[in-house]
Amino acid sequence: MASNADSSASQTGADDVRGELTAQLEDLLNTLSNKFAGVSSEIFAKMDEMSRRLDNLETQLATTQERSKGSS
């Protein structure tokens, strides 16, 4: 009977360890997911800003070309 109780206690301890490991892995995955989402948002925001700057630059170049054609 003692070996059966030891086996049961050992199984319970292993289940506890698995549960703790699972919880830690879930926390890690949630943290990584949140960081990835934040970095993705920052990248998209910077890409939007670069797009606006390029649009402004194209507009300025077109305006400059129009003026130079008009003065020639």
PDB file of N, CA and C in Angstrom:
ATOM      1  N   MET A   1       0.798  -1.189   0.000  1.00  0.00           N
ATOM      2  CA  MET A   1       0.000   0.000   0.000  1.00  0.00           C
ATOM      3  C   MET A   1       0.841   1.253   0.000  1.00  0.00           C
ATOM      4  N   ALA A   2       1.969   1.219   0.661  1.00  0.00           N
ATOM      5  CA  ALA A   2       2.823   2.406   0.730  1.00  0.00           C
ATOM      6  C   ALA A   2       3.337   2.765  -0.647  1.00  0.00           C
ATOM      7  N   SER A   3       3.646   1.743  -1.453  1.00  0.00           N
ATOM      8  CA  SER A   3       4.144   2.043  -2.795  1.00  0.00           C
ATOM      9  C   SER A   3       3.046   2.649  -3.656  1.00  0.00           C
ATOM     10  N   ASN A   4       1.819   2.261  -3.445  1.00  0.00           N
ATOM     11  CA  ASN A   4       0.696   2.822  -4.181  1.00  0.00           C
ATOM     12  C   ASN A   4       0.494   4.280  -3.782  1.00  0.00           C
ATOM     13  N   ALA A   5       0.627   4.598  -2.514  1.00  0.00           N
ATOM     14  CA  ALA A   5       0.505   5.973  -2.029  1.00  0.00           C
ATOM     15  C   ALA A   5       1.655   6.814  -2.542  1.00  0.00           C
ATOM     16  N   ASP A   6       2.871   6.240  -2.553  1.00  0.00           N
ATOM     17  CA  ASP A   6       4.022   6.964  -3.083  1.00  0.00           C
ATOM     18  C   ASP A   6       3.830   7.254  -4.571  1.00  0.00           C
ATOM     19  N   SER A   7       3.305   6.289  -5.284  1.00  0.00           N
ATOM     20  CA  SER A   7       3.066   6.455  -6.719  1.00  0.00           C
ATOM     21  C   SER A   7       2.027   7.533  -6.959  1.00  0.00           C
ATOM     22  N   SER A   8       1.001   7.569  -6.154  1.00  0.00           N
ATOM     23  CA  SER A   8      -0.054   8.575  -6.278  1.00  0.00           C
ATOM     24  C   SER A   8       0.493   9.964  -5.950  1.00  0.00           C
ATOM     25  N   ALA A   9       1.300  10.057  -4.899  1.00  0.00           N
ATOM     26  CA  ALA A   9       1.904  11.340  -4.519  1.00  0.00           C
ATOM     27  C   ALA A   9       2.867  11.801  -5.594  1.00  0.00           C
ATOM     28  N   SER A  10       3.607  10.859  -6.161  1.00  0.00           N
ATOM     29  CA  SER A  10       4.543  11.190  -7.230  1.00  0.00           C
ATOM     30  C   SER A  10       3.797  11.706  -8.453  1.00  0.00           C
ATOM     31  N   GLN A  11       2.685  11.082  -8.770  1.00  0.00           N
ATOM     32  CA  GLN A  11       1.868  11.507  -9.917  1.00  0.00           C
ATOM     33  C   GLN A  11       1.292  12.897  -9.682  1.00  0.00           C
ATOM     34  N   THR A  12       0.824  13.152  -8.468  1.00  0.00           N
ATOM     35  CA  THR A  12       0.284  14.463  -8.121  1.00  0.00           C
ATOM     36  C   THR A  12       1.365  15.533  -8.229  1.00  0.00           C
ATOM     37  N   GLY A  13       2.569  15.213  -7.770  1.00  0.00           N
ATOM     38  CA  GLY A  13       3.682  16.157  -7.872  1.00  0.00           C
ATOM     39  C   GLY A  13       4.031  16.435  -9.320  1.00  0.00           C
ATOM     40  N   ALA A  14       4.016  15.407 -10.155  1.00  0.00           N
ATOM     41  CA  ALA A  14       4.313  15.594 -11.578  1.00  0.00           C
ATOM     42  C   ALA A  14       3.243  16.443 -12.241  1.00  0.00           C
ATOM     43  N   ASP A  15       1.974  16.226 -11.845  1.00  0.00           N
ATOM     44  CA  ASP A  15       0.883  17.032 -12.396  1.00  0.00           C
ATOM     45  C   ASP A  15       1.033  18.497 -11.996  1.00  0.00           C
ATOM     46  N   ASP A  16       1.461  18.729 -10.737  1.00  0.00           N
ATOM     47  CA  ASP A  16       1.685  20.103 -10.266  1.00  0.00           C
ATOM     48  C   ASP A  16       2.787  20.780 -11.076  1.00  0.00           C
ATOM     49  N   VAL A  17       3.857  20.045 -11.313  1.00  0.00           N
ATOM     50  CA  VAL A  17       4.977  20.596 -12.087  1.00  0.00           C
ATOM     51  C   VAL A  17       4.519  20.906 -13.509  1.00  0.00           C
ATOM     52  N   ARG A  18       3.768  19.991 -14.108  1.00  0.00           N
ATOM     53  CA  ARG A  18       3.248  20.232 -15.464  1.00  0.00           C
ATOM     54  C   ARG A  18       2.343  21.449 -15.493  1.00  0.00           C
ATOM     55  N   GLY A  19       1.495  21.571 -14.466  1.00  0.00           N
ATOM     56  CA  GLY A  19       0.582  22.711 -14.397  1.00  0.00           C
ATOM     57  C   GLY A  19       1.337  24.030 -14.283  1.00  0.00           C
ATOM     58  N   GLU A  20       2.366  24.038 -13.441  1.00  0.00           N
ATOM     59  CA  GLU A  20       3.175  25.253 -13.282  1.00  0.00           C
ATOM     60  C   GLU A  20       3.903  25.593 -14.576  1.00  0.00           C
ATOM     61  N   LEU A  21       4.462  24.572 -15.215  1.00  0.00           N
ATOM     62  CA  LEU A  21       5.170  24.791 -16.473  1.00  0.00           C
ATOM     63  C   LEU A  21       4.220  25.309 -17.537  1.00  0.00           C
ATOM     64  N   THR A  22       3.044  24.732 -17.602  1.00  0.00           N
ATOM     65  CA  THR A  22       2.040  25.180 -18.571  1.00  0.00           C
ATOM     66  C   THR A  22       1.666  26.640 -18.318  1.00  0.00           C
ATOM     67  N   ALA A  23       1.456  26.990 -17.059  1.00  0.00           N
ATOM     68  CA  ALA A  23       1.099  28.372 -16.716  1.00  0.00           C
ATOM     69  C   ALA A  23       2.226  29.331 -17.092  1.00  0.00           C
ATOM     70  N   GLN A  24       3.473  28.947 -16.817  1.00  0.00           N
ATOM     71  CA  GLN A  24       4.608  29.808 -17.153  1.00  0.00           C
ATOM     72  C   GLN A  24       4.739  29.961 -18.669  1.00  0.00           C
ATOM     73  N   LEU A  25       4.535  28.862 -19.394  1.00  0.00           N
ATOM     74  CA  LEU A  25       4.620  28.935 -20.859  1.00  0.00           C
ATOM     75  C   LEU A  25       3.511  29.811 -21.431  1.00  0.00           C
ATOM     76  N   GLU A  26       2.310  29.703 -20.863  1.00  0.00           N
ATOM     77  CA  GLU A  26       1.216  30.555 -21.319  1.00  0.00           C
ATOM     78  C   GLU A  26       1.520  32.021 -21.062  1.00  0.00           C
ATOM     79  N   ASP A  27       2.071  32.320 -19.891  1.00  0.00           N
ATOM     80  CA  ASP A  27       2.453  33.701 -19.579  1.00  0.00           C
ATOM     81  C   ASP A  27       3.515  34.202 -20.559  1.00  0.00           C
ATOM     82  N   LEU A  28       4.499  33.360 -20.838  1.00  0.00           N
ATOM     83  CA  LEU A  28       5.554  33.736 -21.773  1.00  0.00           C
ATOM     84  C   LEU A  28       4.983  33.987 -23.165  1.00  0.00           C
ATOM     85  N   LEU A  29       4.114  33.098 -23.619  1.00  0.00           N
ATOM     86  CA  LEU A  29       3.512  33.267 -24.938  1.00  0.00           C
ATOM     87  C   LEU A  29       2.647  34.519 -25.002  1.00  0.00           C
ATOM     88  N   ASN A  30       1.909  34.801 -23.937  1.00  0.00           N
ATOM     89  CA  ASN A  30       1.097  36.024 -23.898  1.00  0.00           C
ATOM     90  C   ASN A  30       1.982  37.265 -23.934  1.00  0.00           C
ATOM     91  N   THR A  31       3.073  37.240 -23.189  1.00  0.00           N
ATOM     92  CA  THR A  31       4.007  38.368 -23.182  1.00  0.00           C
ATOM     93  C   THR A  31       4.608  38.579 -24.564  1.00  0.00           C
ATOM     94  N   LEU A  32       5.057  37.487 -25.180  1.00  0.00           N
ATOM     95  CA  LEU A  32       5.635  37.592 -26.523  1.00  0.00           C
ATOM     96  C   LEU A  32       4.601  38.082 -27.531  1.00  0.00           C
ATOM     97  N   SER A  33       3.395  37.602 -27.417  1.00  0.00           N
ATOM     98  CA  SER A  33       2.329  38.022 -28.323  1.00  0.00           C
ATOM     99  C   SER A  33       2.057  39.519 -28.180  1.00  0.00           C
ATOM    100  N   ASN A  34       2.011  40.000 -26.938  1.00  0.00           N
ATOM    101  CA  ASN A  34       1.774  41.428 -26.703  1.00  0.00           C
ATOM    102  C   ASN A  34       2.927  42.273 -27.238  1.00  0.00           C
ATOM    103  N   LYS A  35       4.152  41.799 -27.030  1.00  0.00           N
ATOM    104  CA  LYS A  35       5.304  42.546 -27.545  1.00  0.00           C
ATOM    105  C   LYS A  35       5.290  42.563 -29.065  1.00  0.00           C
ATOM    106  N   PHE A  36       4.965  41.440 -29.670  1.00  0.00           N
ATOM    107  CA  PHE A  36       4.898  41.365 -31.129  1.00  0.00           C
ATOM    108  C   PHE A  36       3.834  42.310 -31.664  1.00  0.00           C
ATOM    109  N   ALA A  37       2.684  42.347 -31.011  1.00  0.00           N
ATOM    110  CA  ALA A  37       1.615  43.246 -31.435  1.00  0.00           C
ATOM    111  C   ALA A  37       2.065  44.702 -31.326  1.00  0.00           C
ATOM    112  N   GLY A  38       2.778  45.033 -30.257  1.00  0.00           N
ATOM    113  CA  GLY A  38       3.275  46.405 -30.091  1.00  0.00           C
ATOM    114  C   GLY A  38       4.287  46.776 -31.159  1.00  0.00           C
ATOM    115  N   VAL A  39       5.204  45.871 -31.430  1.00  0.00           N
ATOM    116  CA  VAL A  39       6.214  46.136 -32.459  1.00  0.00           C
ATOM    117  C   VAL A  39       5.552  46.253 -33.831  1.00  0.00           C
ATOM    118  N   SER A  40       4.591  45.395 -34.113  1.00  0.00           N
ATOM    119  CA  SER A  40       3.879  45.458 -35.391  1.00  0.00           C
ATOM    120  C   SER A  40       3.176  46.805 -35.546  1.00  0.00           C
ATOM    121  N   SER A  41       2.539  47.258 -34.484  1.00  0.00           N
ATOM    122  CA  SER A  41       1.858  48.559 -34.537  1.00  0.00           C
ATOM    123  C   SER A  41       2.847  49.689 -34.798  1.00  0.00           C
ATOM    124  N   GLU A  42       4.002  49.621 -34.134  1.00  0.00           N
ATOM    125  CA  GLU A  42       5.014  50.656 -34.348  1.00  0.00           C
ATOM    126  C   GLU A  42       5.519  50.641 -35.787  1.00  0.00           C
ATOM    127  N   ILE A  43       5.742  49.459 -36.318  1.00  0.00           N
ATOM    128  CA  ILE A  43       6.230  49.344 -37.708  1.00  0.00           C
ATOM    129  C   ILE A  43       5.200  49.916 -38.673  1.00  0.00           C
ATOM    130  N   PHE A  44       3.928  49.548 -38.484  1.00  0.00           N
ATOM    131  CA  PHE A  44       2.889  50.070 -39.382  1.00  0.00           C
ATOM    132  C   PHE A  44       2.764  51.584 -39.263  1.00  0.00           C
ATOM    133  N   ALA A  45       2.895  52.109 -38.060  1.00  0.00           N
ATOM    134  CA  ALA A  45       2.821  53.564 -37.880  1.00  0.00           C
ATOM    135  C   ALA A  45       3.978  54.247 -38.598  1.00  0.00           C
ATOM    136  N   LYS A  46       5.174  53.676 -38.506  1.00  0.00           N
ATOM    137  CA  LYS A  46       6.326  54.267 -39.190  1.00  0.00           C
ATOM    138  C   LYS A  46       6.185  54.156 -40.704  1.00  0.00           C
ATOM    139  N   MET A  47       5.626  53.057 -41.169  1.00  0.00           N
ATOM    140  CA  MET A  47       5.410  52.909 -42.614  1.00  0.00           C
ATOM    141  C   MET A  47       4.385  53.922 -43.113  1.00  0.00           C
ATOM    142  N   ASP A  48       3.336  54.172 -42.332  1.00  0.00           N
ATOM    143  CA  ASP A  48       2.344  55.188 -42.704  1.00  0.00           C
ATOM    144  C   ASP A  48       2.980  56.568 -42.771  1.00  0.00           C
ATOM    145  N   GLU A  49       3.828  56.871 -41.777  1.00  0.00           N
ATOM    146  CA  GLU A  49       4.515  58.161 -41.771  1.00  0.00           C
ATOM    147  C   GLU A  49       5.432  58.297 -42.984  1.00  0.00           C
ATOM    148  N   MET A  50       6.162  57.239 -43.311  1.00  0.00           N
ATOM    149  CA  MET A  50       7.038  57.277 -44.489  1.00  0.00           C
ATOM    150  C   MET A  50       6.218  57.465 -45.757  1.00  0.00           C
ATOM    151  N   SER A  51       5.073  56.842 -45.834  1.00  0.00           N
ATOM    152  CA  SER A  51       4.198  56.991 -46.995  1.00  0.00           C
ATOM    153  C   SER A  51       3.717  58.435 -47.137  1.00  0.00           C
ATOM    154  N   ARG A  52       3.333  59.056 -46.025  1.00  0.00           N
ATOM    155  CA  ARG A  52       2.910  60.458 -46.066  1.00  0.00           C
ATOM    156  C   ARG A  52       4.066  61.358 -46.511  1.00  0.00           C
ATOM    157  N   ARG A  53       5.251  61.085 -46.008  1.00  0.00           N
ATOM    158  CA  ARG A  53       6.412  61.898 -46.394  1.00  0.00           C
ATOM    159  C   ARG A  53       6.720  61.753 -47.887  1.00  0.00           C
ATOM    160  N   LEU A  54       6.626  60.517 -48.387  1.00  0.00           N
ATOM    161  CA  LEU A  54       6.865  60.302 -49.817  1.00  0.00           C
ATOM    162  C   LEU A  54       5.810  61.004 -50.669  1.00  0.00           C
ATOM    163  N   ASP A  55       4.560  60.955 -50.223  1.00  0.00           N
ATOM    164  CA  ASP A  55       3.498  61.663 -50.947  1.00  0.00           C
ATOM    165  C   ASP A  55       3.776  63.160 -50.991  1.00  0.00           C
ATOM    166  N   ASN A  56       4.205  63.719 -49.857  1.00  0.00           N
ATOM    167  CA  ASN A  56       4.529  65.150 -49.811  1.00  0.00           C
ATOM    168  C   ASN A  56       5.712  65.473 -50.719  1.00  0.00           C
ATOM    169  N   LEU A  57       6.704  64.614 -50.720  1.00  0.00           N
ATOM    170  CA  LEU A  57       7.877  64.821 -51.564  1.00  0.00           C
ATOM    171  C   LEU A  57       7.490  64.772 -53.041  1.00  0.00           C
ATOM    172  N   GLU A  58       6.652  63.814 -53.417  1.00  0.00           N
ATOM    173  CA  GLU A  58       6.198  63.717 -54.804  1.00  0.00           C
ATOM    174  C   GLU A  58       5.426  64.967 -55.206  1.00  0.00           C
ATOM    175  N   THR A  59       4.600  65.458 -54.302  1.00  0.00           N
ATOM    176  CA  THR A  59       3.834  66.670 -54.585  1.00  0.00           C
ATOM    177  C   THR A  59       4.761  67.865 -54.769  1.00  0.00           C
ATOM    178  N   GLN A  60       5.755  67.983 -53.904  1.00  0.00           N
ATOM    179  CA  GLN A  60       6.707  69.089 -54.018  1.00  0.00           C
ATOM    180  C   GLN A  60       7.510  68.990 -55.310  1.00  0.00           C
ATOM    181  N   LEU A  61       7.925  67.786 -55.679  1.00  0.00           N
ATOM    182  CA  LEU A  61       8.669  67.611 -56.929  1.00  0.00           C
ATOM    183  C   LEU A  61       7.806  67.971 -58.131  1.00  0.00           C
ATOM    184  N   ALA A  62       6.558  67.543 -58.117  1.00  0.00           N
ATOM    185  CA  ALA A  62       5.655  67.861 -59.227  1.00  0.00           C
ATOM    186  C   ALA A  62       5.451  69.370 -59.316  1.00  0.00           C
ATOM    187  N   THR A  63       5.299  70.024 -58.189  1.00  0.00           N
ATOM    188  CA  THR A  63       5.115  71.477 -58.169  1.00  0.00           C
ATOM    189  C   THR A  63       6.362  72.179 -58.696  1.00  0.00           C
ATOM    190  N   THR A  64       7.523  71.713 -58.280  1.00  0.00           N
ATOM    191  CA  THR A  64       8.783  72.299 -58.735  1.00  0.00           C
ATOM    192  C   THR A  64       8.950  72.111 -60.240  1.00  0.00           C
ATOM    193  N   GLN A  65       8.599  70.945 -60.746  1.00  0.00           N
ATOM    194  CA  GLN A  65       8.701  70.695 -62.193  1.00  0.00           C
ATOM    195  C   GLN A  65       7.740  71.583 -62.971  1.00  0.00           C
ATOM    196  N   GLU A  66       6.535  71.766 -62.443  1.00  0.00           N
ATOM    197  CA  GLU A  66       5.553  72.625 -63.107  1.00  0.00           C
ATOM    198  C   GLU A  66       6.062  74.067 -63.163  1.00  0.00           C
ATOM    199  N   ARG A  67       6.655  74.524 -62.082  1.00  0.00           N
ATOM    200  CA  ARG A  67       7.163  75.887 -62.032  1.00  0.00           C
ATOM    201  C   ARG A  67       8.331  76.060 -62.985  1.00  0.00           C
ATOM    202  N   SER A  68       9.212  75.064 -63.050  1.00  0.00           N
ATOM    203  CA  SER A  68      10.362  75.198 -63.932  1.00  0.00           C
ATOM    204  C   SER A  68       9.931  75.156 -65.400  1.00  0.00           C
ATOM    205  N   LYS A  69       8.909  74.412 -65.738  1.00  0.00           N
ATOM    206  CA  LYS A  69       8.394  74.390 -67.098  1.00  0.00           C
ATOM    207  C   LYS A  69       7.734  75.723 -67.451  1.00  0.00           C
ATOM    208  N   GLY A  70       7.047  76.277 -66.486  1.00  0.00           N
ATOM    209  CA  GLY A  70       6.364  77.548 -66.701  1.00  0.00           C
ATOM    210  C   GLY A  70       7.335  78.710 -66.864  1.00  0.00           C
ATOM    211  N   SER A  71       8.472  78.661 -66.208  1.00  0.00           N
ATOM    212  CA  SER A  71       9.429  79.762 -66.297  1.00  0.00           C
ATOM    213  C   SER A  71      10.374  79.620 -67.459  1.00  0.00           C
ATOM    214  N   SER A  72      10.405  78.438 -68.107  1.00  0.00           N
ATOM    215  CA  SER A  72      11.318  78.247 -69.240  1.00  0.00           C
ATOM    216  C   SER A  72      10.747  78.757 -70.522  1.00  0.00           C
TER     217      SER A  72
END
